[in-house]
Each structure stands twice: as C-alpha cells, then as structure tokens.
N, C-alpha and C. Protein backbone atom coordinates (compact mmCIF):
# COMPACT_ATOMS: atom_id res chain seq x y z
N MET A 1 21.80 7.04 -21.02
CA MET A 1 20.67 6.15 -21.21
C MET A 1 19.41 6.99 -21.29
N ARG A 2 18.55 6.63 -22.22
CA ARG A 2 17.26 7.31 -22.36
C ARG A 2 16.16 6.34 -21.97
N PHE A 3 15.15 6.89 -21.29
CA PHE A 3 14.02 6.09 -20.83
C PHE A 3 12.89 6.21 -21.83
N LYS A 4 12.11 5.13 -21.98
CA LYS A 4 11.15 5.05 -23.07
C LYS A 4 9.77 5.63 -22.78
N HIS A 5 9.20 5.31 -21.67
CA HIS A 5 7.80 5.69 -21.47
C HIS A 5 7.68 6.72 -20.35
N VAL A 6 6.80 7.64 -20.56
CA VAL A 6 6.60 8.72 -19.58
C VAL A 6 5.16 8.71 -19.09
N PRO A 7 4.96 9.19 -17.86
CA PRO A 7 3.57 9.29 -17.37
C PRO A 7 2.85 10.43 -18.07
N ARG A 8 1.57 10.48 -17.88
CA ARG A 8 0.81 11.61 -18.43
C ARG A 8 1.30 12.89 -17.76
N ALA A 9 1.36 13.94 -18.54
CA ALA A 9 1.82 15.22 -18.01
C ALA A 9 0.77 15.77 -17.05
N PRO A 10 1.21 16.27 -15.90
CA PRO A 10 0.27 16.86 -14.94
C PRO A 10 -0.11 18.28 -15.40
N GLY A 11 -0.98 18.90 -14.65
CA GLY A 11 -1.39 20.26 -14.97
C GLY A 11 -0.33 21.30 -14.64
N ASP A 12 0.62 20.94 -13.79
CA ASP A 12 1.62 21.90 -13.33
C ASP A 12 2.95 21.18 -13.10
N VAL A 13 4.04 21.84 -13.43
CA VAL A 13 5.37 21.25 -13.26
C VAL A 13 5.71 21.01 -11.79
N ASP A 14 5.02 21.69 -10.88
CA ASP A 14 5.26 21.48 -9.46
C ASP A 14 5.01 20.03 -9.05
N ARG A 15 4.18 19.33 -9.80
CA ARG A 15 3.89 17.92 -9.50
C ARG A 15 5.16 17.08 -9.59
N VAL A 16 6.07 17.45 -10.48
CA VAL A 16 7.34 16.74 -10.62
C VAL A 16 8.12 16.84 -9.32
N PHE A 17 8.19 18.04 -8.76
CA PHE A 17 8.95 18.24 -7.53
C PHE A 17 8.24 17.64 -6.32
N GLU A 18 6.92 17.63 -6.36
CA GLU A 18 6.17 16.97 -5.29
C GLU A 18 6.47 15.46 -5.30
N ALA A 19 6.50 14.87 -6.48
CA ALA A 19 6.81 13.44 -6.58
C ALA A 19 8.25 13.18 -6.15
N ARG A 20 9.15 14.05 -6.54
CA ARG A 20 10.55 13.89 -6.15
C ARG A 20 10.69 13.90 -4.63
N GLN A 21 9.99 14.80 -3.96
CA GLN A 21 10.08 14.91 -2.50
C GLN A 21 9.57 13.65 -1.80
N ALA A 22 8.72 12.90 -2.45
CA ALA A 22 8.19 11.68 -1.85
C ALA A 22 9.20 10.54 -1.85
N VAL A 23 10.21 10.65 -2.70
CA VAL A 23 11.25 9.62 -2.76
C VAL A 23 12.27 9.91 -1.66
N PRO A 24 12.67 8.91 -0.90
CA PRO A 24 13.57 9.16 0.23
C PRO A 24 14.98 9.57 -0.21
N LEU A 25 15.69 10.22 0.69
CA LEU A 25 17.10 10.56 0.45
C LEU A 25 18.01 9.35 0.61
N VAL A 26 17.60 8.45 1.49
CA VAL A 26 18.35 7.21 1.71
C VAL A 26 17.74 6.14 0.80
N PRO A 27 18.56 5.45 0.01
CA PRO A 27 18.02 4.47 -0.94
C PRO A 27 17.07 3.48 -0.29
N ASP A 28 15.98 3.24 -0.99
CA ASP A 28 14.97 2.29 -0.53
C ASP A 28 14.51 1.47 -1.74
N THR A 29 13.84 0.37 -1.49
CA THR A 29 13.41 -0.52 -2.56
C THR A 29 12.40 0.16 -3.47
N GLN A 30 12.26 -0.39 -4.66
CA GLN A 30 11.26 0.14 -5.59
C GLN A 30 9.86 0.05 -4.99
N ASP A 31 9.55 -1.08 -4.35
CA ASP A 31 8.22 -1.23 -3.75
C ASP A 31 7.95 -0.16 -2.70
N ASP A 32 8.94 0.07 -1.84
CA ASP A 32 8.75 1.09 -0.80
C ASP A 32 8.64 2.49 -1.39
N CYS A 33 9.45 2.77 -2.40
CA CYS A 33 9.37 4.08 -3.05
C CYS A 33 8.01 4.27 -3.73
N CYS A 34 7.53 3.24 -4.38
CA CYS A 34 6.21 3.33 -5.03
C CYS A 34 5.11 3.53 -3.99
N THR A 35 5.22 2.84 -2.87
CA THR A 35 4.24 3.02 -1.80
C THR A 35 4.25 4.47 -1.32
N ARG A 36 5.44 5.03 -1.14
CA ARG A 36 5.55 6.43 -0.71
C ARG A 36 4.92 7.36 -1.74
N LEU A 37 5.18 7.10 -3.01
CA LEU A 37 4.59 7.94 -4.06
C LEU A 37 3.06 7.85 -4.05
N MET A 38 2.55 6.66 -3.83
CA MET A 38 1.10 6.49 -3.78
C MET A 38 0.51 7.21 -2.57
N GLU A 39 1.15 7.05 -1.42
CA GLU A 39 0.62 7.64 -0.19
C GLU A 39 0.79 9.16 -0.14
N ARG A 40 1.93 9.65 -0.57
CA ARG A 40 2.25 11.08 -0.41
C ARG A 40 1.83 11.95 -1.59
N VAL A 41 1.78 11.35 -2.77
CA VAL A 41 1.43 12.13 -3.95
C VAL A 41 0.04 11.77 -4.47
N GLY A 42 -0.40 10.58 -4.12
CA GLY A 42 -1.76 10.19 -4.49
C GLY A 42 -1.87 9.44 -5.80
N PHE A 43 -0.78 8.83 -6.26
CA PHE A 43 -0.91 8.02 -7.47
C PHE A 43 -1.79 6.83 -7.15
N PRO A 44 -2.77 6.54 -8.00
CA PRO A 44 -3.78 5.54 -7.66
C PRO A 44 -3.32 4.09 -7.75
N ALA A 45 -2.24 3.84 -8.50
CA ALA A 45 -1.82 2.45 -8.68
C ALA A 45 -0.30 2.35 -8.68
N ARG A 46 0.19 1.18 -8.31
CA ARG A 46 1.63 0.95 -8.25
C ARG A 46 2.28 1.14 -9.62
N ASP A 47 1.61 0.73 -10.69
CA ASP A 47 2.16 0.90 -12.03
C ASP A 47 2.42 2.37 -12.34
N GLU A 48 1.49 3.22 -11.96
CA GLU A 48 1.65 4.65 -12.19
C GLU A 48 2.79 5.20 -11.35
N ALA A 49 2.87 4.78 -10.10
CA ALA A 49 3.97 5.21 -9.23
C ALA A 49 5.31 4.75 -9.78
N ALA A 50 5.39 3.52 -10.27
CA ALA A 50 6.63 3.00 -10.85
C ALA A 50 7.02 3.78 -12.10
N LYS A 51 6.04 4.15 -12.90
CA LYS A 51 6.32 4.94 -14.10
C LYS A 51 6.90 6.30 -13.71
N TRP A 52 6.34 6.90 -12.66
CA TRP A 52 6.86 8.18 -12.18
C TRP A 52 8.26 8.03 -11.62
N LEU A 53 8.52 6.95 -10.90
CA LEU A 53 9.85 6.72 -10.34
C LEU A 53 10.89 6.65 -11.47
N THR A 54 10.57 5.92 -12.50
CA THR A 54 11.45 5.82 -13.66
C THR A 54 11.59 7.16 -14.36
N PHE A 55 10.50 7.89 -14.48
CA PHE A 55 10.53 9.20 -15.12
C PHE A 55 11.40 10.18 -14.33
N LEU A 56 11.32 10.13 -13.02
CA LEU A 56 12.17 10.99 -12.20
C LEU A 56 13.65 10.64 -12.40
N ARG A 57 13.93 9.38 -12.65
CA ARG A 57 15.31 8.98 -13.00
C ARG A 57 15.71 9.60 -14.33
N ALA A 58 14.81 9.60 -15.30
CA ALA A 58 15.11 10.18 -16.61
C ALA A 58 15.45 11.66 -16.49
N LEU A 59 14.83 12.33 -15.54
CA LEU A 59 15.08 13.76 -15.33
C LEU A 59 16.28 14.02 -14.42
N GLY A 60 16.89 12.95 -13.91
CA GLY A 60 18.03 13.10 -13.02
C GLY A 60 17.66 13.58 -11.63
N LEU A 61 16.39 13.41 -11.26
CA LEU A 61 15.92 13.84 -9.95
C LEU A 61 15.94 12.72 -8.93
N VAL A 62 16.05 11.49 -9.42
CA VAL A 62 16.13 10.29 -8.59
C VAL A 62 17.23 9.43 -9.20
N ALA A 63 17.98 8.76 -8.37
CA ALA A 63 19.04 7.88 -8.84
C ALA A 63 18.79 6.47 -8.34
N GLU A 64 19.21 5.50 -9.13
CA GLU A 64 19.13 4.10 -8.72
C GLU A 64 20.46 3.72 -8.09
N HIS A 65 20.36 3.10 -6.92
CA HIS A 65 21.54 2.66 -6.18
C HIS A 65 21.45 1.15 -6.00
N GLU A 66 22.50 0.58 -5.46
CA GLU A 66 22.53 -0.86 -5.22
C GLU A 66 21.37 -1.30 -4.32
N ARG A 67 20.99 -0.47 -3.36
CA ARG A 67 19.93 -0.81 -2.42
C ARG A 67 18.56 -0.26 -2.80
N GLY A 68 18.47 0.38 -3.93
CA GLY A 68 17.16 0.91 -4.34
C GLY A 68 17.27 2.30 -4.94
N TYR A 69 16.28 3.11 -4.68
CA TYR A 69 16.18 4.44 -5.27
C TYR A 69 16.22 5.51 -4.20
N ALA A 70 16.80 6.66 -4.58
CA ALA A 70 16.84 7.80 -3.68
C ALA A 70 16.81 9.07 -4.52
N ARG A 71 16.21 10.10 -3.96
CA ARG A 71 16.22 11.37 -4.68
C ARG A 71 17.63 11.96 -4.62
N THR A 72 17.97 12.70 -5.62
CA THR A 72 19.28 13.34 -5.65
C THR A 72 19.27 14.51 -4.68
N ARG A 73 20.43 14.92 -4.28
CA ARG A 73 20.54 15.98 -3.27
C ARG A 73 20.72 17.37 -3.88
N GLU A 74 20.89 17.44 -5.17
CA GLU A 74 21.11 18.74 -5.81
C GLU A 74 19.84 19.56 -5.88
N ASP A 75 20.01 20.87 -5.84
CA ASP A 75 18.88 21.76 -6.09
C ASP A 75 18.69 21.84 -7.60
N VAL A 76 17.48 21.65 -8.05
CA VAL A 76 17.19 21.65 -9.48
C VAL A 76 16.21 22.77 -9.78
N ASP A 77 16.60 23.63 -10.68
CA ASP A 77 15.76 24.73 -11.12
C ASP A 77 14.76 24.18 -12.15
N PRO A 78 13.49 24.52 -12.03
CA PRO A 78 12.51 24.04 -13.01
C PRO A 78 12.88 24.38 -14.45
N GLU A 79 13.68 25.43 -14.64
CA GLU A 79 14.07 25.85 -15.98
C GLU A 79 14.91 24.80 -16.71
N VAL A 80 15.59 23.92 -15.97
CA VAL A 80 16.46 22.93 -16.61
C VAL A 80 15.72 21.63 -16.93
N LEU A 81 14.48 21.51 -16.51
CA LEU A 81 13.77 20.25 -16.74
C LEU A 81 13.57 19.94 -18.22
N ALA A 82 13.36 20.95 -19.04
CA ALA A 82 13.18 20.70 -20.48
C ALA A 82 14.43 20.07 -21.08
N ASP A 83 15.60 20.61 -20.73
CA ASP A 83 16.85 20.04 -21.23
C ASP A 83 17.03 18.61 -20.73
N ARG A 84 16.72 18.38 -19.47
CA ARG A 84 16.85 17.04 -18.91
C ARG A 84 15.86 16.07 -19.57
N PHE A 85 14.67 16.57 -19.87
CA PHE A 85 13.68 15.74 -20.56
C PHE A 85 14.22 15.35 -21.94
N LEU A 86 14.74 16.30 -22.67
CA LEU A 86 15.28 16.02 -24.00
C LEU A 86 16.47 15.08 -23.94
N ASP A 87 17.28 15.18 -22.89
CA ASP A 87 18.44 14.30 -22.74
C ASP A 87 18.08 12.91 -22.24
N GLY A 88 17.02 12.80 -21.45
CA GLY A 88 16.75 11.54 -20.76
C GLY A 88 15.59 10.72 -21.27
N VAL A 89 14.80 11.26 -22.21
CA VAL A 89 13.61 10.55 -22.68
C VAL A 89 13.77 10.17 -24.15
N PHE A 90 13.64 8.90 -24.42
CA PHE A 90 13.77 8.37 -25.77
C PHE A 90 12.75 9.02 -26.70
N LEU A 91 13.18 9.41 -27.85
CA LEU A 91 12.40 10.06 -28.92
C LEU A 91 12.09 11.54 -28.67
N ALA A 92 12.32 12.03 -27.46
CA ALA A 92 11.94 13.42 -27.17
C ALA A 92 12.58 14.43 -28.13
N PRO A 93 13.88 14.33 -28.43
CA PRO A 93 14.44 15.28 -29.39
C PRO A 93 13.81 15.16 -30.78
N ALA A 94 13.55 13.93 -31.22
CA ALA A 94 12.94 13.72 -32.52
C ALA A 94 11.51 14.28 -32.55
N VAL A 95 10.80 14.11 -31.45
CA VAL A 95 9.43 14.65 -31.36
C VAL A 95 9.46 16.16 -31.46
N ARG A 96 10.34 16.79 -30.69
CA ARG A 96 10.45 18.25 -30.75
C ARG A 96 10.85 18.71 -32.16
N ASP A 97 11.82 18.01 -32.77
CA ASP A 97 12.29 18.39 -34.10
C ASP A 97 11.20 18.20 -35.16
N ALA A 98 10.37 17.18 -34.99
CA ALA A 98 9.27 16.96 -35.94
C ALA A 98 8.30 18.14 -35.92
N VAL A 99 8.07 18.67 -34.74
CA VAL A 99 7.20 19.85 -34.64
C VAL A 99 7.90 21.06 -35.26
N ALA A 100 9.18 21.22 -34.97
CA ALA A 100 9.94 22.38 -35.45
C ALA A 100 10.06 22.41 -36.97
N THR A 101 10.13 21.25 -37.60
CA THR A 101 10.33 21.21 -39.05
C THR A 101 9.04 21.07 -39.85
N ALA A 102 7.92 20.93 -39.17
CA ALA A 102 6.64 20.79 -39.87
C ALA A 102 6.25 22.13 -40.51
N GLU A 103 5.65 22.04 -41.68
CA GLU A 103 5.19 23.26 -42.35
C GLU A 103 4.12 23.98 -41.55
N ASP A 104 3.16 23.21 -41.07
CA ASP A 104 2.08 23.74 -40.24
C ASP A 104 2.13 23.02 -38.90
N PRO A 105 1.59 23.62 -37.85
CA PRO A 105 1.58 22.91 -36.56
C PRO A 105 0.92 21.53 -36.69
N PRO A 106 1.66 20.47 -36.35
CA PRO A 106 1.13 19.12 -36.52
C PRO A 106 0.30 18.64 -35.32
N THR A 107 -0.50 17.63 -35.58
CA THR A 107 -1.21 16.92 -34.52
C THR A 107 -0.27 15.87 -33.94
N ALA A 108 -0.65 15.27 -32.84
CA ALA A 108 0.14 14.20 -32.25
C ALA A 108 0.29 13.04 -33.23
N SER A 109 -0.76 12.74 -33.95
CA SER A 109 -0.72 11.66 -34.92
C SER A 109 0.28 11.96 -36.04
N GLU A 110 0.31 13.18 -36.49
CA GLU A 110 1.26 13.57 -37.54
C GLU A 110 2.70 13.53 -37.03
N VAL A 111 2.90 13.92 -35.79
CA VAL A 111 4.24 13.83 -35.20
C VAL A 111 4.65 12.37 -35.09
N PHE A 112 3.73 11.52 -34.64
CA PHE A 112 4.06 10.10 -34.55
C PHE A 112 4.46 9.56 -35.92
N ASP A 113 3.71 9.89 -36.96
CA ASP A 113 4.06 9.42 -38.30
C ASP A 113 5.47 9.87 -38.69
N ALA A 114 5.86 11.06 -38.25
CA ALA A 114 7.19 11.59 -38.59
C ALA A 114 8.32 10.87 -37.85
N VAL A 115 8.03 10.33 -36.68
CA VAL A 115 9.10 9.69 -35.88
C VAL A 115 8.96 8.18 -35.78
N ALA A 116 7.91 7.61 -36.34
CA ALA A 116 7.64 6.17 -36.19
C ALA A 116 8.81 5.30 -36.65
N SER A 117 9.54 5.73 -37.64
CA SER A 117 10.67 4.92 -38.12
C SER A 117 11.77 4.79 -37.08
N GLU A 118 11.77 5.64 -36.07
CA GLU A 118 12.80 5.58 -35.02
C GLU A 118 12.43 4.63 -33.88
N VAL A 119 11.22 4.11 -33.89
CA VAL A 119 10.82 3.13 -32.87
C VAL A 119 11.59 1.84 -33.18
N PRO A 120 12.38 1.36 -32.22
CA PRO A 120 13.23 0.18 -32.48
C PRO A 120 12.41 -1.06 -32.81
N GLN A 121 13.03 -1.93 -33.60
CA GLN A 121 12.37 -3.17 -34.00
C GLN A 121 11.97 -4.01 -32.80
N TYR A 122 12.79 -4.05 -31.76
CA TYR A 122 12.43 -4.86 -30.59
C TYR A 122 11.16 -4.35 -29.93
N GLU A 123 10.89 -3.05 -30.00
CA GLU A 123 9.64 -2.52 -29.47
C GLU A 123 8.47 -2.91 -30.36
N ARG A 124 8.69 -2.94 -31.63
CA ARG A 124 7.64 -3.39 -32.57
C ARG A 124 7.33 -4.86 -32.33
N ASN A 125 8.37 -5.64 -32.06
CA ASN A 125 8.19 -7.07 -31.79
C ASN A 125 7.50 -7.30 -30.44
N LYS A 126 7.80 -6.42 -29.48
CA LYS A 126 7.21 -6.54 -28.14
C LYS A 126 5.70 -6.34 -28.19
N TYR A 127 5.25 -5.46 -29.05
CA TYR A 127 3.82 -5.16 -29.21
C TYR A 127 3.44 -5.35 -30.68
N PRO A 128 3.49 -6.58 -31.20
CA PRO A 128 3.33 -6.78 -32.64
C PRO A 128 2.00 -6.27 -33.22
N ASN A 129 0.95 -6.32 -32.44
CA ASN A 129 -0.35 -5.90 -32.95
C ASN A 129 -0.76 -4.50 -32.51
N SER A 130 0.04 -3.92 -31.62
CA SER A 130 -0.39 -2.63 -31.08
C SER A 130 0.75 -1.62 -30.92
N TRP A 131 1.90 -1.86 -31.54
CA TRP A 131 3.03 -0.96 -31.31
C TRP A 131 2.71 0.46 -31.76
N ARG A 132 1.93 0.62 -32.82
CA ARG A 132 1.59 1.97 -33.27
C ARG A 132 0.74 2.70 -32.23
N GLU A 133 -0.17 1.99 -31.57
CA GLU A 133 -0.98 2.61 -30.52
C GLU A 133 -0.13 2.93 -29.29
N VAL A 134 0.70 1.97 -28.89
CA VAL A 134 1.56 2.17 -27.71
C VAL A 134 2.47 3.36 -27.93
N TRP A 135 3.14 3.39 -29.06
CA TRP A 135 4.08 4.47 -29.31
C TRP A 135 3.40 5.77 -29.73
N GLY A 136 2.23 5.66 -30.33
CA GLY A 136 1.45 6.88 -30.61
C GLY A 136 1.07 7.57 -29.31
N ASP A 137 0.69 6.78 -28.30
CA ASP A 137 0.38 7.33 -26.98
C ASP A 137 1.62 7.92 -26.33
N THR A 138 2.75 7.24 -26.48
CA THR A 138 4.01 7.75 -25.92
C THR A 138 4.37 9.09 -26.54
N VAL A 139 4.25 9.20 -27.84
CA VAL A 139 4.55 10.47 -28.52
C VAL A 139 3.59 11.56 -28.05
N ALA A 140 2.32 11.24 -27.91
CA ALA A 140 1.34 12.24 -27.43
C ALA A 140 1.71 12.71 -26.02
N ARG A 141 2.12 11.79 -25.17
CA ARG A 141 2.54 12.17 -23.81
C ARG A 141 3.78 13.06 -23.85
N GLU A 142 4.73 12.69 -24.70
CA GLU A 142 5.94 13.50 -24.81
C GLU A 142 5.61 14.91 -25.31
N LEU A 143 4.70 15.02 -26.25
CA LEU A 143 4.29 16.35 -26.72
C LEU A 143 3.71 17.17 -25.58
N ASP A 144 2.87 16.55 -24.78
CA ASP A 144 2.27 17.26 -23.64
C ASP A 144 3.34 17.69 -22.64
N TRP A 145 4.31 16.83 -22.40
CA TRP A 145 5.40 17.20 -21.49
C TRP A 145 6.23 18.34 -22.07
N LEU A 146 6.53 18.28 -23.36
CA LEU A 146 7.31 19.34 -23.99
C LEU A 146 6.56 20.67 -23.93
N ALA A 147 5.25 20.62 -24.02
CA ALA A 147 4.45 21.84 -23.88
C ALA A 147 4.48 22.32 -22.43
N LEU A 148 4.32 21.41 -21.48
CA LEU A 148 4.35 21.78 -20.07
C LEU A 148 5.70 22.40 -19.69
N LEU A 149 6.78 21.87 -20.27
CA LEU A 149 8.12 22.33 -19.93
C LEU A 149 8.57 23.53 -20.76
N GLY A 150 7.70 24.03 -21.62
CA GLY A 150 7.98 25.27 -22.33
C GLY A 150 8.71 25.13 -23.65
N GLU A 151 8.94 23.92 -24.12
CA GLU A 151 9.60 23.71 -25.41
C GLU A 151 8.62 23.89 -26.57
N LEU A 152 7.38 23.50 -26.35
CA LEU A 152 6.34 23.58 -27.37
C LEU A 152 5.13 24.31 -26.81
N GLU A 153 4.23 24.68 -27.70
CA GLU A 153 2.94 25.23 -27.31
C GLU A 153 1.85 24.34 -27.88
N ALA A 154 0.87 24.01 -27.07
CA ALA A 154 -0.29 23.26 -27.56
C ALA A 154 -1.34 24.26 -27.99
N THR A 155 -1.87 24.07 -29.19
CA THR A 155 -2.89 24.99 -29.70
C THR A 155 -4.28 24.50 -29.29
N ASP A 156 -5.25 25.34 -29.48
CA ASP A 156 -6.63 24.98 -29.13
C ASP A 156 -7.17 23.83 -29.98
N ASP A 157 -6.61 23.62 -31.16
CA ASP A 157 -7.11 22.57 -32.03
C ASP A 157 -6.22 21.32 -32.00
N SER A 158 -5.60 21.06 -30.83
CA SER A 158 -4.80 19.85 -30.58
C SER A 158 -3.61 19.72 -31.55
N ARG A 159 -2.99 20.83 -31.81
CA ARG A 159 -1.77 20.86 -32.62
C ARG A 159 -0.66 21.43 -31.77
N TYR A 160 0.56 21.29 -32.24
CA TYR A 160 1.71 21.74 -31.47
C TYR A 160 2.60 22.64 -32.33
N ALA A 161 3.16 23.64 -31.66
CA ALA A 161 4.07 24.57 -32.33
C ALA A 161 5.25 24.82 -31.39
N VAL A 162 6.36 25.24 -31.96
CA VAL A 162 7.54 25.58 -31.17
C VAL A 162 7.21 26.81 -30.35
N ALA A 163 7.60 26.80 -29.09
CA ALA A 163 7.31 27.92 -28.19
C ALA A 163 8.18 29.12 -28.52
C-alpha cells in the first residue's frame, strides 16, 4: 500500500526519528499518538501530527494495530529511508523518474505536469476545482523529501536534479 500525502520536509532527517520516538511501543489510539507527537515533537496542530503519523507508517517506522499505532521495534538506518519512501509514498517513483528523464533540471511545476496523468480520477473528483493545486503541492513536497533523503538535489533556482 502506498500513502498519498506527505508532510513538509524538515530541515534534517533526524526529525523523522524524533517523531518516531514520540510514538509509543505499545499500541495506542490515533488521538493519543497525535497528542504525543504534538507534545514531544512540537507539531502545532493535530492535522499535522496525524499527517506525520501516517507518513511514519509509509516509511515502515510505525505500524497500525487493532488497538492503534505503535512504533516498530526494528533498528532503521537512515540510509534506507529513501528506498522506503519510494516504496511507501504514492507517485514518489514517478516523481523521481520525471526528474531523471528530464532534459534539463525541472521545476516542481514541470515535474507535476509530467506526472499529473497518474493522479487517480477519484482524487480529481475529490477536489474538482483544486486537484491540480492539491497534487502540485504534494509533488513539491515529495521532491523536497527526495532531496532530503539523497535521491535528488535541489538547485539554487528551485529545480531538481538526480543526486
């Protein structure tokens, strides 16, 4: 399963592990996990904490159980996060490939244009008047994450290239 939306990329990958540590080892409800993320990591709103909780699931750092969410017990090397991101985040491989196959380093908008046809119809229907903005923002976030995780490089002029 691939997850659709990702939070904004932080300045450092350590933030991912800080957020993971805030999630309990013993399964707890989504509300309680979000509260912990807000209190321990400083996310300003429950929506942001919930997005991070889901994102940590996409990376395989948190699992959903019958009684709620818990962090996984495995040791995870930061070097594997890029592969987990590509495996767990919807459109991430297409976004990376759009950068890799572009003649010149593309902007986020150009990458979105290259992958827009892969946005499912139900997502277009969900946001009939704004799906391009919603998914354009998603693609921009994914580009930033791919750069943070070492798959891409962000240039000074807001373009992306393969690392």
